[in-house]
Amino acid sequence: MEAKDGSFGFDFEAKYSHIVFEKEFTYEFGERLANVKFINHNKQTEIVVTFNPENQNPVEMQKNGWQAILN
């Protein structure tokens, strides 16, 4: 994964364990899990990401990082 402007990047590897086409997927990365849901609101899609936080950084910092990836 890498920022659009190239200012930050990292390798990412995951195992997808649950996939519902056009609805949601769950994946494991390291010892952590994340779930991504796509919720249709007429002509817009809401993306909801739920994840197990790691212990090295504050949860708020992790939330901001995940939001930056979506942006």
PDB file of N, CA and C in Angstrom:
ATOM      1  N   MET A   1       0.850  -1.164   0.000  1.00  0.00           N
ATOM      2  CA  MET A   1       0.000   0.000   0.000  1.00  0.00           C
ATOM      3  C   MET A   1       0.894   1.224   0.000  1.00  0.00           C
ATOM      4  N   GLU A   2       0.431   2.242  -0.707  1.00  0.00           N
ATOM      5  CA  GLU A   2       1.222   3.466  -0.747  1.00  0.00           C
ATOM      6  C   GLU A   2       0.304   4.668  -0.915  1.00  0.00           C
ATOM      7  N   ALA A   3       0.683   5.760  -0.267  1.00  0.00           N
ATOM      8  CA  ALA A   3      -0.063   7.005  -0.411  1.00  0.00           C
ATOM      9  C   ALA A   3      -0.004   7.467  -1.868  1.00  0.00           C
ATOM     10  N   LYS A   4      -1.060   8.126  -2.317  1.00  0.00           N
ATOM     11  CA  LYS A   4      -1.102   8.621  -3.701  1.00  0.00           C
ATOM     12  C   LYS A   4       0.089   9.500  -4.039  1.00  0.00           C
ATOM     13  N   ASP A   5       0.524  10.300  -3.076  1.00  0.00           N
ATOM     14  CA  ASP A   5       1.642  11.205  -3.336  1.00  0.00           C
ATOM     15  C   ASP A   5       3.007  10.537  -3.122  1.00  0.00           C
ATOM     16  N   GLY A   6       2.999   9.245  -2.766  1.00  0.00           N
ATOM     17  CA  GLY A   6       4.247   8.515  -2.584  1.00  0.00           C
ATOM     18  C   GLY A   6       4.974   8.810  -1.281  1.00  0.00           C
ATOM     19  N   SER A   7       4.348   9.573  -0.389  1.00  0.00           N
ATOM     20  CA  SER A   7       5.009   9.977   0.845  1.00  0.00           C
ATOM     21  C   SER A   7       5.113   8.863   1.883  1.00  0.00           C
ATOM     22  N   PHE A   8       4.316   7.824   1.727  1.00  0.00           N
ATOM     23  CA  PHE A   8       4.310   6.743   2.709  1.00  0.00           C
ATOM     24  C   PHE A   8       3.856   5.467   2.038  1.00  0.00           C
ATOM     25  N   GLY A   9       4.451   4.348   2.395  1.00  0.00           N
ATOM     26  CA  GLY A   9       4.033   3.072   1.844  1.00  0.00           C
ATOM     27  C   GLY A   9       4.503   1.920   2.711  1.00  0.00           C
ATOM     28  N   PHE A  10       3.867   0.764   2.555  1.00  0.00           N
ATOM     29  CA  PHE A  10       4.254  -0.417   3.309  1.00  0.00           C
ATOM     30  C   PHE A  10       3.728  -1.660   2.605  1.00  0.00           C
ATOM     31  N   ASP A  11       4.369  -2.792   2.878  1.00  0.00           N
ATOM     32  CA  ASP A  11       3.909  -4.069   2.344  1.00  0.00           C
ATOM     33  C   ASP A  11       2.711  -4.539   3.159  1.00  0.00           C
ATOM     34  N   PHE A  12       1.770  -5.192   2.479  1.00  0.00           N
ATOM     35  CA  PHE A  12       0.572  -5.669   3.157  1.00  0.00           C
ATOM     36  C   PHE A  12       0.234  -7.048   2.614  1.00  0.00           C
ATOM     37  N   GLU A  13       0.069  -8.004   3.509  1.00  0.00           N
ATOM     38  CA  GLU A  13      -0.300  -9.364   3.123  1.00  0.00           C
ATOM     39  C   GLU A  13      -1.445  -9.806   4.011  1.00  0.00           C
ATOM     40  N   ALA A  14      -2.461 -10.437   3.412  1.00  0.00           N
ATOM     41  CA  ALA A  14      -3.624 -10.863   4.183  1.00  0.00           C
ATOM     42  C   ALA A  14      -4.202 -12.147   3.604  1.00  0.00           C
ATOM     43  N   LYS A  15      -4.949 -12.852   4.436  1.00  0.00           N
ATOM     44  CA  LYS A  15      -5.671 -14.054   4.024  1.00  0.00           C
ATOM     45  C   LYS A  15      -7.160 -13.746   4.162  1.00  0.00           C
ATOM     46  N   TYR A  16      -7.864 -13.822   3.036  1.00  0.00           N
ATOM     47  CA  TYR A  16      -9.298 -13.532   3.041  1.00  0.00           C
ATOM     48  C   TYR A  16     -10.050 -14.778   3.491  1.00  0.00           C
ATOM     49  N   SER A  17     -10.877 -14.635   4.515  1.00  0.00           N
ATOM     50  CA  SER A  17     -11.549 -15.791   5.106  1.00  0.00           C
ATOM     51  C   SER A  17     -13.058 -15.811   4.870  1.00  0.00           C
ATOM     52  N   HIS A  18     -13.613 -14.696   4.456  1.00  0.00           N
ATOM     53  CA  HIS A  18     -15.070 -14.614   4.254  1.00  0.00           C
ATOM     54  C   HIS A  18     -15.333 -13.551   3.192  1.00  0.00           C
ATOM     55  N   ILE A  19     -16.018 -13.944   2.120  1.00  0.00           N
ATOM     56  CA  ILE A  19     -16.328 -12.995   1.050  1.00  0.00           C
ATOM     57  C   ILE A  19     -17.790 -13.166   0.646  1.00  0.00           C
ATOM     58  N   VAL A  20     -18.534 -12.078   0.684  1.00  0.00           N
ATOM     59  CA  VAL A  20     -19.900 -12.042   0.163  1.00  0.00           C
ATOM     60  C   VAL A  20     -19.874 -10.997  -0.947  1.00  0.00           C
ATOM     61  N   PHE A  21     -19.995 -11.436  -2.181  1.00  0.00           N
ATOM     62  CA  PHE A  21     -19.853 -10.581  -3.352  1.00  0.00           C
ATOM     63  C   PHE A  21     -20.694  -9.314  -3.226  1.00  0.00           C
ATOM     64  N   GLU A  22     -20.030  -8.176  -3.405  1.00  0.00           N
ATOM     65  CA  GLU A  22     -20.633  -6.842  -3.378  1.00  0.00           C
ATOM     66  C   GLU A  22     -21.255  -6.464  -2.032  1.00  0.00           C
ATOM     67  N   LYS A  23     -20.972  -7.228  -0.969  1.00  0.00           N
ATOM     68  CA  LYS A  23     -21.561  -6.933   0.343  1.00  0.00           C
ATOM     69  C   LYS A  23     -20.499  -6.720   1.422  1.00  0.00           C
ATOM     70  N   GLU A  24     -19.584  -7.711   1.575  1.00  0.00           N
ATOM     71  CA  GLU A  24     -18.589  -7.607   2.631  1.00  0.00           C
ATOM     72  C   GLU A  24     -17.490  -8.639   2.440  1.00  0.00           C
ATOM     73  N   PHE A  25     -16.371  -8.401   3.130  1.00  0.00           N
ATOM     74  CA  PHE A  25     -15.309  -9.402   3.201  1.00  0.00           C
ATOM     75  C   PHE A  25     -14.559  -9.248   4.515  1.00  0.00           C
ATOM     76  N   THR A  26     -13.977 -10.353   4.956  1.00  0.00           N
ATOM     77  CA  THR A  26     -13.192 -10.386   6.179  1.00  0.00           C
ATOM     78  C   THR A  26     -11.822 -10.947   5.837  1.00  0.00           C
ATOM     79  N   TYR A  27     -10.793 -10.375   6.440  1.00  0.00           N
ATOM     80  CA  TYR A  27      -9.459 -10.892   6.199  1.00  0.00           C
ATOM     81  C   TYR A  27      -8.622 -10.860   7.467  1.00  0.00           C
ATOM     82  N   GLU A  28      -7.604 -11.730   7.492  1.00  0.00           N
ATOM     83  CA  GLU A  28      -6.679 -11.831   8.603  1.00  0.00           C
ATOM     84  C   GLU A  28      -5.324 -11.336   8.135  1.00  0.00           C
ATOM     85  N   PHE A  29      -4.728 -10.473   8.925  1.00  0.00           N
ATOM     86  CA  PHE A  29      -3.380  -9.997   8.622  1.00  0.00           C
ATOM     87  C   PHE A  29      -2.587 -10.062   9.912  1.00  0.00           C
ATOM     88  N   GLY A  30      -1.579 -10.934   9.915  1.00  0.00           N
ATOM     89  CA  GLY A  30      -0.879 -11.219  11.161  1.00  0.00           C
ATOM     90  C   GLY A  30      -1.843 -11.924  12.095  1.00  0.00           C
ATOM     91  N   GLU A  31      -1.934 -11.444  13.294  1.00  0.00           N
ATOM     92  CA  GLU A  31      -2.854 -12.018  14.289  1.00  0.00           C
ATOM     93  C   GLU A  31      -4.157 -11.227  14.365  1.00  0.00           C
ATOM     94  N   ARG A  32      -4.356 -10.292  13.448  1.00  0.00           N
ATOM     95  CA  ARG A  32      -5.495  -9.388  13.515  1.00  0.00           C
ATOM     96  C   ARG A  32      -6.520  -9.692  12.435  1.00  0.00           C
ATOM     97  N   LEU A  33      -7.762  -9.264  12.679  1.00  0.00           N
ATOM     98  CA  LEU A  33      -8.849  -9.413  11.713  1.00  0.00           C
ATOM     99  C   LEU A  33      -9.407  -8.048  11.346  1.00  0.00           C
ATOM    100  N   ALA A  34      -9.906  -7.960  10.120  1.00  0.00           N
ATOM    101  CA  ALA A  34     -10.620  -6.764   9.679  1.00  0.00           C
ATOM    102  C   ALA A  34     -11.817  -7.213   8.853  1.00  0.00           C
ATOM    103  N   ASN A  35     -12.882  -6.438   8.924  1.00  0.00           N
ATOM    104  CA  ASN A  35     -14.076  -6.694   8.132  1.00  0.00           C
ATOM    105  C   ASN A  35     -14.440  -5.408   7.408  1.00  0.00           C
ATOM    106  N   VAL A  36     -14.783  -5.534   6.134  1.00  0.00           N
ATOM    107  CA  VAL A  36     -15.173  -4.385   5.312  1.00  0.00           C
ATOM    108  C   VAL A  36     -16.564  -4.655   4.768  1.00  0.00           C
ATOM    109  N   LYS A  37     -17.492  -3.738   5.031  1.00  0.00           N
ATOM    110  CA  LYS A  37     -18.866  -3.859   4.540  1.00  0.00           C
ATOM    111  C   LYS A  37     -19.153  -2.718   3.580  1.00  0.00           C
ATOM    112  N   PHE A  38     -19.907  -3.026   2.542  1.00  0.00           N
ATOM    113  CA  PHE A  38     -20.354  -2.035   1.568  1.00  0.00           C
ATOM    114  C   PHE A  38     -21.868  -1.913   1.709  1.00  0.00           C
ATOM    115  N   ILE A  39     -22.331  -0.724   2.088  1.00  0.00           N
ATOM    116  CA  ILE A  39     -23.757  -0.505   2.312  1.00  0.00           C
ATOM    117  C   ILE A  39     -24.262   0.465   1.255  1.00  0.00           C
ATOM    118  N   ASN A  40     -25.223   0.001   0.474  1.00  0.00           N
ATOM    119  CA  ASN A  40     -25.766   0.792  -0.624  1.00  0.00           C
ATOM    120  C   ASN A  40     -26.792   1.793  -0.102  1.00  0.00           C
ATOM    121  N   HIS A  41     -26.599   3.063  -0.433  1.00  0.00           N
ATOM    122  CA  HIS A  41     -27.537   4.131  -0.106  1.00  0.00           C
ATOM    123  C   HIS A  41     -27.895   4.819  -1.421  1.00  0.00           C
ATOM    124  N   ASN A  42     -28.869   4.273  -2.126  1.00  0.00           N
ATOM    125  CA  ASN A  42     -29.271   4.761  -3.444  1.00  0.00           C
ATOM    126  C   ASN A  42     -28.067   4.750  -4.387  1.00  0.00           C
ATOM    127  N   LYS A  43     -27.537   5.883  -4.769  1.00  0.00           N
ATOM    128  CA  LYS A  43     -26.422   5.915  -5.723  1.00  0.00           C
ATOM    129  C   LYS A  43     -25.077   6.147  -5.042  1.00  0.00           C
ATOM    130  N   GLN A  44     -25.032   5.969  -3.721  1.00  0.00           N
ATOM    131  CA  GLN A  44     -23.784   6.123  -2.978  1.00  0.00           C
ATOM    132  C   GLN A  44     -23.530   4.858  -2.171  1.00  0.00           C
ATOM    133  N   THR A  45     -22.273   4.615  -1.874  1.00  0.00           N
ATOM    134  CA  THR A  45     -21.902   3.445  -1.092  1.00  0.00           C
ATOM    135  C   THR A  45     -21.161   3.875   0.166  1.00  0.00           C
ATOM    136  N   GLU A  46     -21.656   3.405   1.302  1.00  0.00           N
ATOM    137  CA  GLU A  46     -20.976   3.619   2.574  1.00  0.00           C
ATOM    138  C   GLU A  46     -20.053   2.429   2.799  1.00  0.00           C
ATOM    139  N   ILE A  47     -18.810   2.699   3.183  1.00  0.00           N
ATOM    140  CA  ILE A  47     -17.837   1.649   3.490  1.00  0.00           C
ATOM    141  C   ILE A  47     -17.592   1.670   4.987  1.00  0.00           C
ATOM    142  N   VAL A  48     -17.823   0.530   5.634  1.00  0.00           N
ATOM    143  CA  VAL A  48     -17.626   0.415   7.071  1.00  0.00           C
ATOM    144  C   VAL A  48     -16.507  -0.589   7.308  1.00  0.00           C
ATOM    145  N   VAL A  49     -15.432  -0.140   7.947  1.00  0.00           N
ATOM    146  CA  VAL A  49     -14.294  -0.996   8.256  1.00  0.00           C
ATOM    147  C   VAL A  49     -14.233  -1.208   9.767  1.00  0.00           C
ATOM    148  N   THR A  50     -14.205  -2.461  10.180  1.00  0.00           N
ATOM    149  CA  THR A  50     -14.051  -2.826  11.579  1.00  0.00           C
ATOM    150  C   THR A  50     -12.767  -3.639  11.682  1.00  0.00           C
ATOM    151  N   PHE A  51     -11.931  -3.330  12.657  1.00  0.00           N
ATOM    152  CA  PHE A  51     -10.652  -4.032  12.769  1.00  0.00           C
ATOM    153  C   PHE A  51     -10.253  -4.226  14.218  1.00  0.00           C
ATOM    154  N   ASN A  52      -9.424  -5.234  14.451  1.00  0.00           N
ATOM    155  CA  ASN A  52      -8.811  -5.440  15.758  1.00  0.00           C
ATOM    156  C   ASN A  52      -7.589  -4.535  15.829  1.00  0.00           C
ATOM    157  N   PRO A  53      -7.536  -3.601  16.758  1.00  0.00           N
ATOM    158  CA  PRO A  53      -6.385  -2.707  16.840  1.00  0.00           C
ATOM    159  C   PRO A  53      -5.131  -3.439  17.322  1.00  0.00           C
ATOM    160  N   GLU A  54      -3.991  -2.911  16.927  1.00  0.00           N
ATOM    161  CA  GLU A  54      -2.729  -3.446  17.445  1.00  0.00           C
ATOM    162  C   GLU A  54      -2.385  -2.707  18.723  1.00  0.00           C
ATOM    163  N   ASN A  55      -1.325  -3.119  19.402  1.00  0.00           N
ATOM    164  CA  ASN A  55      -0.997  -2.573  20.718  1.00  0.00           C
ATOM    165  C   ASN A  55       0.096  -1.516  20.705  1.00  0.00           C
ATOM    166  N   GLN A  56       0.677  -1.213  19.551  1.00  0.00           N
ATOM    167  CA  GLN A  56       1.823  -0.304  19.509  1.00  0.00           C
ATOM    168  C   GLN A  56       1.436   1.170  19.357  1.00  0.00           C
ATOM    169  N   ASN A  57       0.275   1.442  18.773  1.00  0.00           N
ATOM    170  CA  ASN A  57      -0.154   2.815  18.516  1.00  0.00           C
ATOM    171  C   ASN A  57      -1.538   3.052  19.105  1.00  0.00           C
ATOM    172  N   PRO A  58      -1.852   4.309  19.483  1.00  0.00           N
ATOM    173  CA  PRO A  58      -3.178   4.615  20.011  1.00  0.00           C
ATOM    174  C   PRO A  58      -4.273   4.280  18.978  1.00  0.00           C
ATOM    175  N   VAL A  59      -5.423   3.860  19.474  1.00  0.00           N
ATOM    176  CA  VAL A  59      -6.537   3.470  18.598  1.00  0.00           C
ATOM    177  C   VAL A  59      -6.923   4.614  17.664  1.00  0.00           C
ATOM    178  N   GLU A  60      -6.954   5.844  18.171  1.00  0.00           N
ATOM    179  CA  GLU A  60      -7.327   6.994  17.335  1.00  0.00           C
ATOM    180  C   GLU A  60      -6.361   7.153  16.164  1.00  0.00           C
ATOM    181  N   MET A  61      -5.090   6.948  16.409  1.00  0.00           N
ATOM    182  CA  MET A  61      -4.092   7.031  15.344  1.00  0.00           C
ATOM    183  C   MET A  61      -4.336   5.937  14.289  1.00  0.00           C
ATOM    184  N   GLN A  62      -4.706   4.751  14.748  1.00  0.00           N
ATOM    185  CA  GLN A  62      -4.998   3.654  13.831  1.00  0.00           C
ATOM    186  C   GLN A  62      -6.245   3.953  12.996  1.00  0.00           C
ATOM    187  N   LYS A  63      -7.280   4.495  13.631  1.00  0.00           N
ATOM    188  CA  LYS A  63      -8.496   4.872  12.904  1.00  0.00           C
ATOM    189  C   LYS A  63      -8.167   5.893  11.820  1.00  0.00           C
ATOM    190  N   ASN A  64      -7.353   6.889  12.160  1.00  0.00           N
ATOM    191  CA  ASN A  64      -6.967   7.900  11.189  1.00  0.00           C
ATOM    192  C   ASN A  64      -6.188   7.297  10.035  1.00  0.00           C
ATOM    193  N   GLY A  65      -5.335   6.320  10.336  1.00  0.00           N
ATOM    194  CA  GLY A  65      -4.581   5.648   9.288  1.00  0.00           C
ATOM    195  C   GLY A  65      -5.470   4.880   8.336  1.00  0.00           C
ATOM    196  N   TRP A  66      -6.448   4.151   8.870  1.00  0.00           N
ATOM    197  CA  TRP A  66      -7.381   3.408   8.020  1.00  0.00           C
ATOM    198  C   TRP A  66      -8.204   4.382   7.182  1.00  0.00           C
ATOM    199  N   GLN A  67      -8.618   5.505   7.760  1.00  0.00           N
ATOM    200  CA  GLN A  67      -9.370   6.501   6.992  1.00  0.00           C
ATOM    201  C   GLN A  67      -8.524   7.085   5.886  1.00  0.00           C
ATOM    202  N   ALA A  68      -7.249   7.336   6.149  1.00  0.00           N
ATOM    203  CA  ALA A  68      -6.349   7.861   5.124  1.00  0.00           C
ATOM    204  C   ALA A  68      -6.226   6.884   3.961  1.00  0.00           C
ATOM    205  N   ILE A  69      -6.190   5.585   4.253  1.00  0.00           N
ATOM    206  CA  ILE A  69      -6.133   4.580   3.188  1.00  0.00           C
ATOM    207  C   ILE A  69      -7.394   4.657   2.335  1.00  0.00           C
ATOM    208  N   LEU A  70      -8.564   4.754   2.977  1.00  0.00           N
ATOM    209  CA  LEU A  70      -9.807   4.855   2.207  1.00  0.00           C
ATOM    210  C   LEU A  70      -9.856   6.127   1.374  1.00  0.00           C
ATOM    211  N   ASN A  71      -9.369   7.229   1.935  1.00  0.00           N
ATOM    212  CA  ASN A  71      -9.368   8.490   1.202  1.00  0.00           C
ATOM    213  C   ASN A  71      -8.489   8.382  -0.037  1.00  0.00           C
TER     214      ASN A  71
END
